[in-house]
N, C-alpha and C. Protein backbone atom coordinates (compact mmCIF):
# COMPACT_ATOMS: atom_id res chain seq x y z
N MET A 1 0.91 -1.15 0.34
CA MET A 1 0.06 -0.30 -0.36
C MET A 1 1.05 1.30 0.02
N LYS A 2 2.09 1.42 1.14
CA LYS A 2 2.75 2.12 0.52
C LYS A 2 3.80 2.69 -0.55
N PHE A 3 3.81 1.73 -1.16
CA PHE A 3 4.29 1.61 -2.69
C PHE A 3 3.66 2.72 -3.34
N LEU A 4 2.01 1.67 -3.58
CA LEU A 4 1.20 2.65 -4.22
C LEU A 4 0.82 4.12 -4.00
N LYS A 5 0.64 4.61 -2.91
CA LYS A 5 1.40 5.98 -2.45
C LYS A 5 1.89 6.75 -2.73
N HIS A 6 2.89 6.13 -3.20
CA HIS A 6 4.50 6.41 -3.80
C HIS A 6 4.28 7.15 -5.48
N ILE A 7 3.40 5.69 -5.83
CA ILE A 7 3.82 6.21 -7.25
C ILE A 7 2.39 7.30 -7.31
N TYR A 8 1.37 7.29 -6.82
CA TYR A 8 0.20 8.01 -6.96
C TYR A 8 1.00 9.33 -6.82
N LEU A 9 1.51 9.80 -5.96
CA LEU A 9 2.50 10.96 -5.36
C LEU A 9 3.10 11.32 -6.67
N LEU A 10 4.13 10.03 -7.19
CA LEU A 10 5.29 10.65 -8.15
C LEU A 10 4.10 10.83 -9.45
N PHE A 11 2.95 10.41 -10.03
CA PHE A 11 2.08 10.62 -10.99
C PHE A 11 1.28 12.57 -10.79
N VAL A 12 1.18 12.73 -9.93
CA VAL A 12 0.71 14.18 -9.57
C VAL A 12 1.88 15.00 -9.50
N LEU A 13 3.08 14.70 -9.33
CA LEU A 13 4.05 15.81 -9.05
C LEU A 13 4.60 15.79 -10.42
N PHE A 14 4.83 14.73 -11.51
CA PHE A 14 5.17 15.02 -12.65
C PHE A 14 4.17 15.46 -13.71
N ALA A 15 3.12 15.46 -13.37
CA ALA A 15 2.12 15.30 -14.26
C ALA A 15 1.95 16.51 -14.64
N PHE A 16 2.32 17.95 -14.24
CA PHE A 16 1.79 19.03 -14.03
C PHE A 16 3.22 20.34 -14.24
N PRO A 17 4.69 19.81 -14.72
CA PRO A 17 5.33 20.58 -14.83
C PRO A 17 5.32 21.54 -15.60
N LEU A 18 5.91 22.81 -14.93
CA LEU A 18 5.25 24.00 -15.96
C LEU A 18 4.40 24.50 -16.42
N THR A 19 3.43 24.25 -16.33
CA THR A 19 1.91 24.51 -16.51
C THR A 19 1.12 25.39 -15.84
N ASN A 20 0.37 25.96 -16.31
CA ASN A 20 -0.40 27.16 -15.34
C ASN A 20 -2.03 26.39 -14.81
N VAL A 21 -1.98 24.95 -14.80
CA VAL A 21 -3.27 24.38 -14.37
C VAL A 21 -3.51 25.03 -13.15
N TRP A 22 -2.99 25.43 -12.20
CA TRP A 22 -3.02 25.89 -10.99
C TRP A 22 -3.26 26.81 -10.97
N ALA A 23 -3.84 28.03 -12.02
CA ALA A 23 -4.54 29.60 -12.40
C ALA A 23 -5.85 29.65 -12.11
N ASP A 24 -6.43 30.33 -11.15
CA ASP A 24 -7.67 30.30 -10.86
C ASP A 24 -8.09 31.76 -11.39
N ASP A 25 -8.27 31.95 -12.81
CA ASP A 25 -8.99 33.57 -13.10
C ASP A 25 -10.02 33.33 -13.66
N TYR A 26 -11.18 33.67 -13.43
CA TYR A 26 -12.48 33.40 -13.52
C TYR A 26 -13.07 34.15 -14.50
N SER A 27 -12.25 35.34 -14.76
CA SER A 27 -12.81 36.07 -16.23
C SER A 27 -11.65 35.33 -17.62
N ASP A 28 -10.81 34.83 -16.97
CA ASP A 28 -9.85 33.96 -18.14
C ASP A 28 -10.97 32.94 -18.84
N THR A 29 -10.90 31.84 -17.57
CA THR A 29 -11.47 30.51 -18.18
C THR A 29 -13.09 31.16 -18.44
N ILE A 30 -13.66 32.20 -18.15
CA ILE A 30 -15.40 32.21 -18.70
C ILE A 30 -14.82 32.78 -20.44
N LYS A 31 -14.17 33.29 -20.69
CA LYS A 31 -13.66 34.08 -21.95
C LYS A 31 -13.05 32.31 -22.84
N ILE A 32 -12.20 31.71 -22.17
CA ILE A 32 -12.21 30.62 -23.27
C ILE A 32 -13.38 29.91 -23.33
N PHE A 33 -14.45 29.22 -22.70
CA PHE A 33 -15.47 29.01 -23.39
C PHE A 33 -16.22 29.79 -23.96
N LYS A 34 -16.25 30.83 -23.84
CA LYS A 34 -17.23 32.07 -24.76
C LYS A 34 -16.39 31.98 -26.22
N ASP A 35 -15.18 31.82 -26.18
CA ASP A 35 -14.26 31.43 -27.59
C ASP A 35 -14.46 30.64 -28.54
N ALA A 36 -15.00 28.82 -27.81
CA ALA A 36 -14.65 28.00 -27.99
C ALA A 36 -15.97 27.32 -28.60
N GLY A 37 -15.76 27.14 -29.77
CA GLY A 37 -17.18 26.66 -30.24
C GLY A 37 -18.09 27.14 -29.77
N GLU A 38 -19.22 25.73 -30.37
CA GLU A 38 -20.28 26.12 -29.56
C GLU A 38 -20.90 26.11 -28.11
N SER A 39 -20.05 26.32 -27.39
CA SER A 39 -20.03 26.69 -25.69
C SER A 39 -20.45 27.82 -25.74
N ALA A 40 -20.46 28.95 -26.47
CA ALA A 40 -19.92 30.40 -26.75
C ALA A 40 -21.96 30.57 -26.67
N VAL A 41 -22.57 29.68 -27.45
CA VAL A 41 -23.71 30.16 -27.59
C VAL A 41 -24.72 30.11 -26.26
N PHE A 42 -24.22 29.28 -25.26
CA PHE A 42 -25.29 28.82 -23.94
C PHE A 42 -25.36 30.34 -23.21
N PHE A 43 -24.22 31.28 -23.51
CA PHE A 43 -23.98 32.13 -22.53
C PHE A 43 -24.96 33.07 -23.16
N ASN A 44 -25.56 32.88 -24.26
CA ASN A 44 -26.52 33.98 -24.55
C ASN A 44 -27.73 33.43 -24.15
N ASP A 45 -28.13 31.89 -24.16
CA ASP A 45 -29.78 31.56 -24.08
C ASP A 45 -30.06 31.14 -22.77
N SER A 46 -29.02 30.56 -21.64
CA SER A 46 -28.88 30.37 -20.36
C SER A 46 -29.37 30.85 -19.33
N TYR A 47 -30.03 30.57 -18.08
CA TYR A 47 -30.32 31.40 -17.11
C TYR A 47 -28.91 31.64 -16.12
N GLY A 48 -28.08 30.80 -16.24
CA GLY A 48 -27.01 31.09 -15.01
C GLY A 48 -25.83 29.86 -15.32
N TYR A 49 -24.51 29.88 -14.93
CA TYR A 49 -23.93 28.88 -15.11
C TYR A 49 -22.43 28.85 -14.12
N ALA A 50 -22.34 27.69 -13.98
CA ALA A 50 -21.07 27.79 -12.63
C ALA A 50 -20.09 27.10 -13.43
N VAL A 51 -18.88 27.96 -13.14
CA VAL A 51 -17.54 27.96 -13.21
C VAL A 51 -16.65 27.36 -12.79
N PHE A 52 -15.64 26.79 -13.08
CA PHE A 52 -14.79 25.99 -12.34
C PHE A 52 -13.33 26.25 -13.01
N PRO A 53 -12.61 27.45 -12.41
CA PRO A 53 -11.35 27.25 -13.68
C PRO A 53 -10.19 26.49 -13.38
N THR A 54 -10.22 25.87 -12.71
CA THR A 54 -9.53 24.51 -12.50
C THR A 54 -9.58 23.55 -11.37
N ILE A 55 -9.63 22.01 -11.87
CA ILE A 55 -10.30 21.26 -11.40
C ILE A 55 -9.03 20.31 -11.75
N GLY A 56 -8.74 19.43 -10.21
CA GLY A 56 -7.37 18.92 -10.26
C GLY A 56 -7.95 17.31 -10.47
N LYS A 57 -7.32 16.46 -11.39
CA LYS A 57 -7.64 14.89 -11.34
C LYS A 57 -6.74 14.06 -11.24
N ALA A 58 -6.75 13.23 -10.44
CA ALA A 58 -5.78 12.07 -10.13
C ALA A 58 -5.92 10.94 -9.86
N GLY A 59 -5.93 9.33 -10.32
CA GLY A 59 -6.11 8.07 -10.16
C GLY A 59 -5.32 7.25 -10.71
N PHE A 60 -4.99 6.21 -9.88
CA PHE A 60 -4.26 4.91 -10.00
C PHE A 60 -6.01 3.74 -9.56
N VAL A 61 -6.55 2.77 -10.63
CA VAL A 61 -7.68 2.26 -10.11
C VAL A 61 -8.44 3.23 -9.87
N VAL A 62 -8.38 3.67 -8.68
CA VAL A 62 -8.99 4.44 -7.50
C VAL A 62 -8.69 5.96 -8.24
N GLY A 63 -9.85 6.70 -7.98
CA GLY A 63 -9.09 8.39 -8.62
C GLY A 63 -10.21 9.25 -7.98
N GLY A 64 -9.83 10.54 -8.18
CA GLY A 64 -10.67 11.42 -7.42
C GLY A 64 -10.13 12.97 -8.25
N ALA A 65 -11.37 13.56 -8.10
CA ALA A 65 -10.88 15.61 -8.52
C ALA A 65 -11.71 16.05 -7.43
N ALA A 66 -11.43 17.34 -7.84
CA ALA A 66 -11.76 18.58 -6.90
C ALA A 66 -11.64 19.98 -7.39
N GLY A 67 -12.28 20.50 -7.35
CA GLY A 67 -11.76 21.83 -7.55
C GLY A 67 -13.53 22.90 -7.10
N ASP A 68 -12.86 24.19 -6.95
CA ASP A 68 -13.85 25.81 -6.58
C ASP A 68 -14.19 26.17 -7.75
N GLY A 69 -15.40 26.60 -7.74
CA GLY A 69 -15.96 27.46 -8.62
C GLY A 69 -16.82 28.47 -8.12
N ARG A 70 -17.64 29.32 -9.36
CA ARG A 70 -18.25 30.36 -8.46
C ARG A 70 -19.41 29.87 -9.90
N VAL A 71 -20.60 30.42 -9.05
CA VAL A 71 -22.71 30.37 -9.77
C VAL A 71 -22.60 31.78 -10.21
N TYR A 72 -23.24 32.23 -11.51
CA TYR A 72 -23.65 33.09 -11.92
C TYR A 72 -24.99 32.85 -12.45
N ALA A 73 -25.65 34.25 -11.78
CA ALA A 73 -27.45 34.03 -12.74
C ALA A 73 -27.09 35.46 -13.27
N LYS A 74 -27.60 35.27 -14.40
CA LYS A 74 -27.64 36.62 -15.17
C LYS A 74 -26.53 37.19 -15.17
N GLY A 75 -25.09 36.62 -15.54
CA GLY A 75 -23.75 37.41 -15.44
C GLY A 75 -23.95 37.54 -14.38
N LYS A 76 -24.39 37.81 -13.41
CA LYS A 76 -23.63 38.21 -12.07
C LYS A 76 -23.71 37.60 -11.14
N HIS A 77 -22.29 37.30 -9.96
CA HIS A 77 -21.52 36.43 -9.28
C HIS A 77 -22.36 36.44 -8.21
N ILE A 78 -23.30 35.50 -7.89
CA ILE A 78 -24.15 34.62 -6.82
C ILE A 78 -23.82 34.17 -5.70
N GLY A 79 -22.45 33.37 -6.04
CA GLY A 79 -22.50 32.09 -4.92
C GLY A 79 -21.14 31.06 -5.76
N ASP A 80 -20.71 30.25 -4.71
CA ASP A 80 -19.42 29.92 -5.23
C ASP A 80 -19.92 28.01 -4.62
N SER A 81 -19.19 27.35 -5.54
CA SER A 81 -19.20 25.72 -5.37
C SER A 81 -18.02 25.19 -5.39
N ALA A 82 -18.07 23.92 -4.50
CA ALA A 82 -16.56 23.32 -4.52
C ALA A 82 -17.15 21.61 -5.30
N MET A 83 -16.36 21.24 -6.15
CA MET A 83 -16.56 20.17 -7.04
C MET A 83 -15.63 18.76 -6.40
N THR A 84 -16.87 17.68 -6.21
CA THR A 84 -15.85 16.71 -5.59
C THR A 84 -16.32 15.35 -6.61
N GLN A 85 -15.28 14.81 -7.09
CA GLN A 85 -15.56 13.83 -7.58
C GLN A 85 -14.61 12.53 -7.17
N LEU A 86 -15.34 11.19 -7.30
CA LEU A 86 -14.74 9.49 -6.96
C LEU A 86 -15.00 8.64 -8.47
N SER A 87 -13.89 8.26 -8.78
CA SER A 87 -13.80 7.40 -10.06
C SER A 87 -13.26 5.62 -9.35
N ILE A 88 -13.76 4.97 -10.18
CA ILE A 88 -13.41 3.91 -9.99
C ILE A 88 -13.40 3.05 -11.05
N GLY A 89 -12.10 2.29 -11.42
CA GLY A 89 -11.65 1.55 -12.95
C GLY A 89 -10.53 2.01 -13.57
N PHE A 90 -10.42 1.55 -14.35
CA PHE A 90 -8.91 1.51 -15.17
C PHE A 90 -8.28 2.98 -15.28
N GLN A 91 -7.42 3.32 -14.48
CA GLN A 91 -7.12 5.04 -14.60
C GLN A 91 -5.58 5.16 -14.24
N LEU A 92 -4.92 5.93 -15.34
CA LEU A 92 -3.44 5.95 -14.27
C LEU A 92 -3.46 7.53 -14.83
N GLY A 93 -2.61 8.38 -13.79
CA GLY A 93 -2.06 9.44 -14.18
C GLY A 93 -2.65 10.92 -13.51
N ALA A 94 -2.87 12.22 -14.01
CA ALA A 94 -3.49 13.13 -13.40
C ALA A 94 -3.61 14.84 -14.52
N GLN A 95 -4.41 14.96 -13.84
CA GLN A 95 -4.64 16.23 -15.22
C GLN A 95 -5.43 17.05 -14.62
N GLY A 96 -5.43 18.28 -14.97
CA GLY A 96 -6.55 19.49 -14.67
C GLY A 96 -7.20 19.95 -16.02
N PHE A 97 -8.29 20.53 -15.83
CA PHE A 97 -9.20 20.70 -16.74
C PHE A 97 -10.11 22.14 -15.95
N SER A 98 -10.67 22.82 -16.74
CA SER A 98 -11.64 24.00 -16.34
C SER A 98 -13.13 23.19 -16.81
N GLN A 99 -13.88 24.11 -16.10
CA GLN A 99 -15.55 22.99 -16.36
C GLN A 99 -16.18 23.89 -16.16
N ILE A 100 -17.43 24.16 -17.15
CA ILE A 100 -18.79 24.88 -16.79
C ILE A 100 -19.76 24.03 -17.19
N ILE A 101 -20.93 24.46 -16.18
CA ILE A 101 -21.83 23.94 -16.49
C ILE A 101 -23.08 24.92 -16.47
N PHE A 102 -23.94 25.04 -17.49
CA PHE A 102 -24.96 25.91 -18.06
C PHE A 102 -26.37 25.64 -17.40
N PHE A 103 -26.90 26.34 -17.17
CA PHE A 103 -28.25 25.95 -16.71
C PHE A 103 -29.86 26.88 -17.26
N LYS A 104 -30.32 25.79 -17.79
CA LYS A 104 -31.43 26.08 -19.23
C LYS A 104 -31.86 27.20 -18.33
N ASP A 105 -32.13 27.07 -17.06
CA ASP A 105 -33.85 27.85 -16.98
C ASP A 105 -33.40 27.98 -15.20
N LYS A 106 -34.54 28.57 -14.42
CA LYS A 106 -34.36 28.36 -13.27
C LYS A 106 -34.59 27.35 -12.58
N ARG A 107 -35.44 26.38 -12.84
CA ARG A 107 -35.59 25.38 -12.58
C ARG A 107 -34.36 24.53 -12.39
N ALA A 108 -33.65 24.23 -13.55
CA ALA A 108 -32.67 23.87 -13.29
C ALA A 108 -31.33 24.68 -12.59
N PHE A 109 -31.25 25.65 -12.31
CA PHE A 109 -30.38 26.80 -11.23
C PHE A 109 -30.95 26.61 -10.05
N ASP A 110 -32.06 26.19 -9.85
CA ASP A 110 -32.46 26.04 -8.06
C ASP A 110 -32.40 24.69 -7.86
N GLU A 111 -32.44 23.70 -8.59
CA GLU A 111 -31.99 22.21 -8.68
C GLU A 111 -30.53 22.28 -8.23
N PHE A 112 -29.30 23.05 -9.02
CA PHE A 112 -27.95 22.81 -8.36
C PHE A 112 -27.87 23.82 -7.13
N THR A 113 -28.24 25.19 -6.81
CA THR A 113 -28.13 26.02 -5.78
C THR A 113 -28.78 25.76 -4.59
N GLY A 114 -29.80 24.58 -4.57
CA GLY A 114 -30.32 23.71 -3.57
C GLY A 114 -29.55 23.32 -2.72
N GLY A 115 -28.45 23.69 -2.57
CA GLY A 115 -27.31 22.53 -1.23
C GLY A 115 -26.28 21.85 -2.11
N ASN A 116 -26.52 20.67 -1.81
CA ASN A 116 -26.11 19.63 -2.60
C ASN A 116 -26.43 18.77 -4.07
N PHE A 117 -25.60 18.96 -4.85
CA PHE A 117 -26.33 18.60 -6.26
C PHE A 117 -25.12 17.69 -6.56
N GLU A 118 -25.52 16.23 -7.14
CA GLU A 118 -25.10 15.35 -7.92
C GLU A 118 -25.25 15.23 -8.84
N PHE A 119 -24.01 14.79 -10.17
CA PHE A 119 -24.18 14.43 -11.36
C PHE A 119 -24.20 12.55 -11.34
N SER A 120 -25.12 12.00 -12.39
CA SER A 120 -25.17 10.77 -11.85
C SER A 120 -24.35 10.15 -12.75
N ALA A 121 -23.83 9.14 -12.50
CA ALA A 121 -22.80 8.14 -13.17
C ALA A 121 -23.32 8.32 -14.24
N ASP A 122 -24.06 8.40 -15.46
CA ASP A 122 -24.48 8.45 -16.59
C ASP A 122 -24.73 10.14 -17.28
N ALA A 123 -24.01 10.84 -16.44
CA ALA A 123 -24.05 12.31 -17.09
C ALA A 123 -22.79 12.57 -17.57
N SER A 124 -23.05 13.53 -18.99
CA SER A 124 -21.44 13.55 -19.69
C SER A 124 -20.96 15.06 -19.82
N ALA A 125 -20.22 15.56 -20.78
CA ALA A 125 -19.38 16.69 -20.88
C ALA A 125 -18.84 16.56 -21.93
N VAL A 126 -19.29 17.80 -22.90
CA VAL A 126 -18.26 18.04 -24.09
C VAL A 126 -17.17 18.21 -23.92
N ALA A 127 -16.09 17.62 -24.05
CA ALA A 127 -14.69 18.10 -23.98
C ALA A 127 -14.48 19.07 -25.36
N ILE A 128 -14.06 20.20 -24.88
CA ILE A 128 -13.17 20.68 -26.08
C ILE A 128 -12.06 20.63 -25.66
N THR A 129 -10.78 19.98 -26.72
CA THR A 129 -9.54 20.19 -26.57
C THR A 129 -8.69 20.53 -27.46
N ALA A 130 -7.34 20.72 -27.40
CA ALA A 130 -6.74 21.06 -28.81
C ALA A 130 -5.75 20.05 -28.72
N GLY A 131 -5.88 19.51 -30.28
CA GLY A 131 -5.16 18.37 -30.21
C GLY A 131 -6.05 17.24 -30.17
N ALA A 132 -5.24 16.16 -29.69
CA ALA A 132 -5.88 14.97 -29.39
C ALA A 132 -7.11 14.85 -27.74
N SER A 133 -7.50 13.81 -28.55
CA SER A 133 -9.07 13.58 -27.36
C SER A 133 -8.64 13.32 -26.03
N ALA A 134 -10.16 13.79 -25.32
CA ALA A 134 -9.35 13.59 -23.95
C ALA A 134 -10.70 13.05 -22.94
N SER A 135 -10.32 12.22 -22.26
CA SER A 135 -11.25 11.49 -21.36
C SER A 135 -11.88 13.35 -20.38
N ALA A 136 -13.08 12.95 -20.72
CA ALA A 136 -13.89 14.27 -19.47
C ALA A 136 -14.72 13.56 -19.30
N GLY A 137 -15.53 14.40 -18.10
CA GLY A 137 -17.11 14.34 -17.93
C GLY A 137 -17.25 13.08 -16.58
N THR A 138 -18.47 13.09 -16.26
CA THR A 138 -18.82 12.18 -15.18
C THR A 138 -18.58 10.89 -15.26
N THR A 139 -18.59 10.57 -16.76
CA THR A 139 -18.86 8.97 -17.31
C THR A 139 -17.50 8.16 -17.49
N GLY A 140 -16.44 9.41 -17.77
CA GLY A 140 -15.15 8.66 -18.30
C GLY A 140 -15.43 8.23 -19.63
N ASN A 141 -16.34 8.96 -20.51
CA ASN A 141 -16.20 8.90 -21.93
C ASN A 141 -15.28 9.92 -22.35
N THR A 142 -15.23 9.37 -24.07
CA THR A 142 -14.22 10.52 -24.34
C THR A 142 -15.14 11.34 -25.14
N ALA A 143 -14.79 12.48 -25.70
CA ALA A 143 -15.72 13.47 -26.76
C ALA A 143 -14.53 14.77 -27.05
N GLY A 144 -14.17 14.47 -27.89
CA GLY A 144 -12.34 15.29 -28.45
C GLY A 144 -13.22 16.22 -29.56
N ALA A 145 -12.12 17.31 -30.14
CA ALA A 145 -12.60 18.36 -31.16
C ALA A 145 -10.91 18.62 -31.04
N SER A 146 -11.00 18.87 -32.83
CA SER A 146 -9.26 18.92 -33.25
C SER A 146 -9.48 20.64 -33.12
N GLY A 147 -8.04 21.03 -33.53
CA GLY A 147 -7.98 22.80 -33.03
C GLY A 147 -7.63 23.16 -31.74
N GLY A 148 -7.51 24.31 -31.67
CA GLY A 148 -7.09 25.01 -30.36
C GLY A 148 -8.28 25.35 -29.62
N GLN A 149 -8.33 25.94 -28.74
CA GLN A 149 -9.14 26.34 -27.92
C GLN A 149 -10.30 27.29 -28.11
N ASN A 150 -9.41 28.15 -29.26
CA ASN A 150 -10.28 29.26 -29.63
C ASN A 150 -11.21 28.72 -31.04
N ASN A 151 -10.96 27.60 -31.33
CA ASN A 151 -11.60 27.42 -32.39
C ASN A 151 -11.85 25.97 -32.98
N ALA A 152 -12.07 25.75 -31.10
CA ALA A 152 -12.84 24.07 -31.23
C ALA A 152 -14.18 24.13 -31.74
N ASN A 153 -14.95 22.99 -32.61
CA ASN A 153 -15.88 22.45 -32.88
C ASN A 153 -16.45 21.67 -31.88
N THR A 154 -17.68 22.15 -31.12
CA THR A 154 -18.16 21.52 -30.13
C THR A 154 -19.39 21.26 -30.48
N VAL A 155 -20.15 19.93 -30.22
CA VAL A 155 -21.94 19.92 -30.13
C VAL A 155 -22.36 19.78 -28.87
N GLY A 156 -22.91 20.67 -27.82
CA GLY A 156 -23.20 20.54 -26.67
C GLY A 156 -25.06 20.50 -26.93
N ASN A 157 -25.42 20.47 -25.86
CA ASN A 157 -26.97 20.39 -26.03
C ASN A 157 -27.32 20.14 -24.26
N TYR A 158 -28.68 21.12 -24.09
CA TYR A 158 -29.11 20.42 -22.41
C TYR A 158 -29.67 18.99 -22.29
N ASN A 159 -29.14 18.79 -21.31
CA ASN A 159 -29.59 17.47 -20.12
C ASN A 159 -30.53 17.61 -19.66
N LYS A 160 -31.82 17.67 -19.59
CA LYS A 160 -32.12 17.79 -17.84
C LYS A 160 -31.87 19.30 -17.22
N GLY A 161 -31.82 20.09 -18.46
CA GLY A 161 -31.61 21.79 -18.25
C GLY A 161 -30.39 22.14 -18.01
N MET A 162 -29.18 21.07 -17.76
CA MET A 162 -28.11 21.29 -18.17
C MET A 162 -26.89 20.82 -19.12
N ALA A 163 -25.90 22.20 -19.68
CA ALA A 163 -25.28 21.49 -20.64
C ALA A 163 -23.53 21.72 -19.42
N THR A 164 -22.39 20.59 -19.82
CA THR A 164 -21.48 20.61 -19.42
C THR A 164 -20.56 20.87 -20.58
N PHE A 165 -19.75 21.43 -20.21
CA PHE A 165 -18.38 21.25 -20.98
C PHE A 165 -17.15 21.31 -20.45
N THR A 166 -16.32 21.32 -20.99
CA THR A 166 -14.62 21.21 -20.39
C THR A 166 -13.57 21.21 -21.24
N VAL A 167 -12.65 22.11 -20.57
CA VAL A 167 -11.24 22.03 -21.28
C VAL A 167 -10.29 21.60 -20.97
N VAL A 168 -9.54 20.71 -21.31
CA VAL A 168 -8.62 20.35 -20.75
C VAL A 168 -7.44 21.24 -20.71
N LYS A 169 -6.59 21.38 -19.52
CA LYS A 169 -5.12 22.17 -19.45
C LYS A 169 -4.33 21.90 -19.23
N GLY A 170 -3.71 20.55 -18.77
CA GLY A 170 -2.35 19.98 -18.89
C GLY A 170 -2.84 18.72 -18.06
N GLY A 171 -1.65 17.92 -18.25
CA GLY A 171 -1.54 16.58 -17.51
C GLY A 171 -1.64 15.77 -18.66
N LEU A 172 -1.58 14.59 -18.25
CA LEU A 172 -1.98 13.32 -18.97
C LEU A 172 -2.74 12.14 -18.20
N MET A 173 -3.98 11.97 -18.64
CA MET A 173 -4.62 10.46 -17.43
C MET A 173 -5.74 9.58 -18.87
N TYR A 174 -4.78 8.07 -18.20
CA TYR A 174 -5.68 7.60 -19.05
C TYR A 174 -6.89 6.66 -18.38
N GLU A 175 -8.01 6.58 -18.95
CA GLU A 175 -9.11 6.26 -18.05
C GLU A 175 -10.16 5.54 -18.98
N ALA A 176 -10.73 4.50 -18.07
CA ALA A 176 -12.17 3.67 -18.57
C ALA A 176 -13.24 3.51 -17.36
N VAL A 177 -13.47 4.79 -17.09
CA VAL A 177 -13.73 4.37 -15.59
C VAL A 177 -15.64 4.84 -15.13
N LEU A 178 -15.98 4.70 -13.96
CA LEU A 178 -17.34 4.60 -13.65
C LEU A 178 -16.95 5.71 -12.46
N ALA A 179 -17.79 7.53 -12.86
CA ALA A 179 -17.77 8.10 -11.78
C ALA A 179 -18.58 9.27 -11.67
N GLY A 180 -18.76 9.84 -10.57
CA GLY A 180 -19.88 10.92 -10.74
C GLY A 180 -19.70 12.04 -10.00
N GLN A 181 -19.97 13.33 -10.27
CA GLN A 181 -19.27 14.60 -9.47
C GLN A 181 -20.66 15.17 -8.34
N LYS A 182 -20.42 15.48 -7.71
CA LYS A 182 -20.82 15.83 -6.15
C LYS A 182 -21.01 17.60 -6.39
N PHE A 183 -21.58 18.56 -5.85
CA PHE A 183 -21.37 19.58 -5.57
C PHE A 183 -22.11 19.74 -4.66
N LYS A 184 -21.24 21.01 -3.98
CA LYS A 184 -21.75 22.02 -3.15
C LYS A 184 -21.64 23.30 -3.33
N TYR A 185 -22.95 23.99 -2.78
CA TYR A 185 -23.63 25.48 -3.38
C TYR A 185 -23.65 26.31 -2.09
N THR A 186 -22.51 27.46 -1.91
CA THR A 186 -22.70 28.36 -0.85
C THR A 186 -23.03 29.61 -1.51
N ALA A 187 -24.00 30.15 -0.99
CA ALA A 187 -24.31 31.56 -1.80
C ALA A 187 -23.37 32.86 -1.26
N LYS A 188 -23.39 33.86 -2.21
CA LYS A 188 -22.25 35.09 -1.51
C LYS A 188 -22.86 35.80 -0.64
């Protein structure tokens, strides 16, 4: 068991060398999503959104992810959110990514901000990546787009009033897992 902890720590330490994966600038992250393919459209027709500039994820058979974010209603910052994820399955590595969740209407927004909210294991996200496809989302499924963050061609749609997009920031993660995300909301 001690050996596994050492390997896990080495992956975390070496997966993010010389990257800005831990930068937490909300306005820059929002700009990335506004400039990236179809996610830009959601800013115009959603009731609100939750943005997570950096979510760190690591795993070796069992994995986890965590990150802090802000929640916006009609463009105004109204609260904060924390995301945690637990995954199990074939996985190896560490990765950082940004995530945004759009809320189609007040009902979906209220469901998310009502306290503790969970995406079930069958929820998914559209990954906006530069170059190679990357695993992202709560199911371990992959979705990719060629090109850079500013010209990614993505396809997204609301599912139960919510749409989720991710941008991989750095690291390397191989995975075929079952996972779920849990969010905790705190009003400002």
